[in-house]
Amino acid sequence: MRIANKERVSARIPRESRKLLEKAAALSGATLDQSVVQASIK
């Protein structure tokens, strides 16, 4: 099995925006990072 190199994606956003995105991610059972990646794939 090959292990992929992992990179971090970061962005500075207002605290309230982050809270909203975290709530949306939680509703789908994902972390904020997972939710952002999934949205970018779609």
N, C-alpha and C. Protein backbone atom coordinates (compact mmCIF):
# COMPACT_ATOMS: atom_id res chain seq x y z
N MET A 1 0.84 -1.18 0.00
CA MET A 1 0.00 0.00 0.00
C MET A 1 0.88 1.24 0.00
N ARG A 2 0.56 2.17 -0.85
CA ARG A 2 1.30 3.42 -0.95
C ARG A 2 0.61 4.50 -0.12
N ILE A 3 1.37 5.21 0.65
CA ILE A 3 0.81 6.30 1.46
C ILE A 3 1.03 7.61 0.72
N ALA A 4 -0.05 8.32 0.49
CA ALA A 4 0.02 9.60 -0.23
C ALA A 4 0.57 10.70 0.66
N ASN A 5 1.32 11.60 0.07
CA ASN A 5 1.76 12.78 0.81
C ASN A 5 0.55 13.66 1.04
N LYS A 6 0.46 14.24 2.19
CA LYS A 6 -0.69 15.08 2.52
C LYS A 6 -0.25 16.52 2.65
N GLU A 7 -1.06 17.40 2.14
CA GLU A 7 -0.83 18.84 2.23
C GLU A 7 -1.99 19.49 2.93
N ARG A 8 -1.75 20.60 3.58
CA ARG A 8 -2.79 21.34 4.28
C ARG A 8 -3.23 22.52 3.42
N VAL A 9 -4.53 22.76 3.40
CA VAL A 9 -5.09 23.92 2.72
C VAL A 9 -5.63 24.84 3.80
N SER A 10 -5.23 26.10 3.73
CA SER A 10 -5.72 27.03 4.75
C SER A 10 -6.23 28.30 4.10
N ALA A 11 -7.16 28.92 4.79
CA ALA A 11 -7.71 30.19 4.32
C ALA A 11 -8.14 31.00 5.53
N ARG A 12 -7.96 32.26 5.46
CA ARG A 12 -8.40 33.14 6.54
C ARG A 12 -9.80 33.63 6.20
N ILE A 13 -10.74 33.29 7.07
CA ILE A 13 -12.13 33.69 6.89
C ILE A 13 -12.65 34.21 8.22
N PRO A 14 -13.70 34.99 8.19
CA PRO A 14 -14.27 35.49 9.45
C PRO A 14 -14.74 34.33 10.33
N ARG A 15 -14.64 34.52 11.63
CA ARG A 15 -15.02 33.49 12.60
C ARG A 15 -16.45 32.99 12.39
N GLU A 16 -17.36 33.92 12.13
CA GLU A 16 -18.76 33.53 11.93
C GLU A 16 -18.93 32.65 10.69
N SER A 17 -18.15 32.94 9.64
CA SER A 17 -18.21 32.11 8.43
C SER A 17 -17.71 30.70 8.73
N ARG A 18 -16.64 30.61 9.51
CA ARG A 18 -16.10 29.29 9.86
C ARG A 18 -17.13 28.50 10.67
N LYS A 19 -17.78 29.17 11.63
CA LYS A 19 -18.79 28.49 12.44
C LYS A 19 -19.92 27.95 11.57
N LEU A 20 -20.35 28.75 10.61
CA LEU A 20 -21.42 28.33 9.70
C LEU A 20 -20.99 27.12 8.87
N LEU A 21 -19.78 27.17 8.33
CA LEU A 21 -19.26 26.05 7.54
C LEU A 21 -19.10 24.79 8.38
N GLU A 22 -18.67 24.94 9.63
CA GLU A 22 -18.53 23.78 10.52
C GLU A 22 -19.89 23.15 10.81
N LYS A 23 -20.91 23.98 11.02
CA LYS A 23 -22.26 23.45 11.26
C LYS A 23 -22.76 22.69 10.05
N ALA A 24 -22.56 23.25 8.86
CA ALA A 24 -22.99 22.59 7.62
C ALA A 24 -22.26 21.26 7.45
N ALA A 25 -20.99 21.24 7.72
CA ALA A 25 -20.22 20.00 7.60
C ALA A 25 -20.72 18.95 8.60
N ALA A 26 -20.98 19.38 9.81
CA ALA A 26 -21.45 18.46 10.85
C ALA A 26 -22.80 17.84 10.48
N LEU A 27 -23.65 18.59 9.82
CA LEU A 27 -24.95 18.06 9.41
C LEU A 27 -24.80 16.89 8.44
N SER A 28 -23.72 16.90 7.67
CA SER A 28 -23.50 15.80 6.73
C SER A 28 -22.56 14.74 7.31
N GLY A 29 -22.17 14.92 8.57
CA GLY A 29 -21.30 13.93 9.22
C GLY A 29 -19.85 14.02 8.80
N ALA A 30 -19.43 15.19 8.34
CA ALA A 30 -18.06 15.38 7.88
C ALA A 30 -17.36 16.45 8.71
N THR A 31 -16.05 16.46 8.60
CA THR A 31 -15.29 17.55 9.21
C THR A 31 -15.32 18.73 8.25
N LEU A 32 -14.90 19.87 8.71
CA LEU A 32 -14.85 21.05 7.85
C LEU A 32 -13.94 20.79 6.65
N ASP A 33 -12.78 20.22 6.89
CA ASP A 33 -11.85 19.95 5.79
C ASP A 33 -12.46 18.98 4.78
N GLN A 34 -13.09 17.92 5.25
CA GLN A 34 -13.72 16.96 4.35
C GLN A 34 -14.80 17.64 3.52
N SER A 35 -15.57 18.49 4.14
CA SER A 35 -16.65 19.17 3.46
C SER A 35 -16.12 20.10 2.37
N VAL A 36 -15.06 20.82 2.65
CA VAL A 36 -14.46 21.73 1.67
C VAL A 36 -13.91 20.96 0.48
N VAL A 37 -13.24 19.85 0.76
CA VAL A 37 -12.68 19.04 -0.33
C VAL A 37 -13.80 18.46 -1.18
N GLN A 38 -14.84 17.93 -0.55
CA GLN A 38 -15.95 17.38 -1.30
C GLN A 38 -16.63 18.43 -2.17
N ALA A 39 -16.80 19.62 -1.64
CA ALA A 39 -17.42 20.71 -2.40
C ALA A 39 -16.56 21.09 -3.61
N SER A 40 -15.25 21.04 -3.44
CA SER A 40 -14.38 21.42 -4.54
C SER A 40 -14.36 20.37 -5.64
N ILE A 41 -14.61 19.12 -5.29
CA ILE A 41 -14.65 18.04 -6.27
C ILE A 41 -15.91 18.12 -7.10
N LYS A 42 -17.01 18.52 -6.48
CA LYS A 42 -18.29 18.61 -7.18
C LYS A 42 -18.24 19.75 -8.11
